[in-house]
Structures are given as C-alpha cells and as structure tokens.
C-alpha cells in the first residue's frame, strides 16, 4: 500500500492532467469571449438595418 502511494506521488500523470485541464479552461474562456463579441456585433448590425428600414 505504501509503495503504491509513493508511485502515485512520483507519477507525472497528475500534473500533466491538471495542465491540460487549465489549458482547456483557458481555451473555453477565449472561445466564449469571441462568440459573445461576434454576437454583439451581429446584433448591432441587425439593429442598424432594422432602424434604417423603419
């Protein structure tokens, strides 16, 4: 039991998984920000067209 705990603590799979999780979280934040910005710009353009038609 003690040897398996030592192996787990020496293993580098854990930190690698954490690093991948952090990178994934950052990518998701960037994508959400980009989609929000595009949506806002598209809504502004549609409002401009609507206002010019009325």
C-alpha atoms as a PDB file:
ATOM      1  CA  UNK A   1       0.000   0.000   0.000  1.00  0.00           C
ATOM      2  CA  UNK A   2       2.760   2.437   0.911  1.00  0.00           C
ATOM      3  CA  UNK A   3       4.610   1.670  -2.336  1.00  0.00           C
ATOM      4  CA  UNK A   4       1.540   2.410  -4.430  1.00  0.00           C
ATOM      5  CA  UNK A   5       1.127   5.782  -2.679  1.00  0.00           C
ATOM      6  CA  UNK A   6       4.783   6.598  -3.346  1.00  0.00           C
ATOM      7  CA  UNK A   7       4.381   5.668  -7.012  1.00  0.00           C
ATOM      8  CA  UNK A   8       1.276   7.847  -7.266  1.00  0.00           C
ATOM      9  CA  UNK A   9       3.078  10.823  -5.753  1.00  0.00           C
ATOM     10  CA  UNK A  10       6.074  10.382  -8.073  1.00  0.00           C
ATOM     11  CA  UNK A  11       3.881   9.896 -11.126  1.00  0.00           C
ATOM     12  CA  UNK A  12       3.756  12.815 -13.516  1.00  0.00           C
ATOM     13  CA  UNK A  13       0.367  11.942 -14.977  1.00  0.00           C
ATOM     14  CA  UNK A  14      -1.430  14.030 -12.364  1.00  0.00           C
ATOM     15  CA  UNK A  15       0.317  17.333 -13.065  1.00  0.00           C
ATOM     16  CA  UNK A  16       0.017  16.741 -16.790  1.00  0.00           C
ATOM     17  CA  UNK A  17      -3.729  16.225 -16.471  1.00  0.00           C
ATOM     18  CA  UNK A  18      -4.004  19.401 -14.411  1.00  0.00           C
ATOM     19  CA  UNK A  19      -2.057  21.342 -17.016  1.00  0.00           C
ATOM     20  CA  UNK A  20      -4.326  20.061 -19.782  1.00  0.00           C
ATOM     21  CA  UNK A  21      -7.390  20.988 -17.730  1.00  0.00           C
ATOM     22  CA  UNK A  22      -6.082  24.533 -17.211  1.00  0.00           C
ATOM     23  CA  UNK A  23      -5.313  24.911 -20.922  1.00  0.00           C
ATOM     24  CA  UNK A  24      -8.767  23.616 -21.820  1.00  0.00           C
ATOM     25  CA  UNK A  25     -10.392  26.068 -19.420  1.00  0.00           C
ATOM     26  CA  UNK A  26      -8.449  28.958 -20.958  1.00  0.00           C
ATOM     27  CA  UNK A  27      -9.412  27.893 -24.469  1.00  0.00           C
ATOM     28  CA  UNK A  28     -13.074  27.696 -23.459  1.00  0.00           C
ATOM     29  CA  UNK A  29     -12.927  31.197 -21.944  1.00  0.00           C
ATOM     30  CA  UNK A  30     -11.348  32.620 -25.100  1.00  0.00           C
ATOM     31  CA  UNK A  31     -13.925  30.911 -27.324  1.00  0.00           C
ATOM     32  CA  UNK A  32     -16.837  32.148 -25.224  1.00  0.00           C
ATOM     33  CA  UNK A  33     -15.456  35.680 -25.290  1.00  0.00           C
ATOM     34  CA  UNK A  34     -15.060  35.557 -29.070  1.00  0.00           C
ATOM     35  CA  UNK A  35     -18.572  34.186 -29.606  1.00  0.00           C
ATOM     36  CA  UNK A  36     -20.019  36.847 -27.329  1.00  0.00           C
ATOM     37  CA  UNK A  37     -18.193  39.608 -29.208  1.00  0.00           C
ATOM     38  CA  UNK A  38     -19.341  38.281 -32.584  1.00  0.00           C
ATOM     39  CA  UNK A  39     -22.916  38.000 -31.314  1.00  0.00           C
ATOM     40  CA  UNK A  40     -22.874  41.567 -30.029  1.00  0.00           C
ATOM     41  CA  UNK A  41     -21.514  42.872 -33.323  1.00  0.00           C
ATOM     42  CA  UNK A  42     -24.100  40.905 -35.299  1.00  0.00           C
ATOM     43  CA  UNK A  43     -26.923  42.203 -33.091  1.00  0.00           C
ATOM     44  CA  UNK A  44     -25.703  45.768 -33.623  1.00  0.00           C
ATOM     45  CA  UNK A  45     -25.677  45.292 -37.393  1.00  0.00           C
ATOM     46  CA  UNK A  46     -29.189  43.822 -37.385  1.00  0.00           C
ATOM     47  CA  UNK A  47     -30.400  46.754 -35.297  1.00  0.00           C
ATOM     48  CA  UNK A  48     -28.790  49.191 -37.740  1.00  0.00           C
ATOM     49  CA  UNK A  49     -30.547  47.506 -40.661  1.00  0.00           C
ATOM     50  CA  UNK A  50     -33.856  47.461 -38.774  1.00  0.00           C
ATOM     51  CA  UNK A  51     -33.569  51.132 -37.916  1.00  0.00           C
ATOM     52  CA  UNK A  52     -32.690  52.108 -41.475  1.00  0.00           C
ATOM     53  CA  UNK A  53     -35.738  50.230 -42.811  1.00  0.00           C
ATOM     54  CA  UNK A  54     -38.175  51.942 -40.467  1.00  0.00           C
END
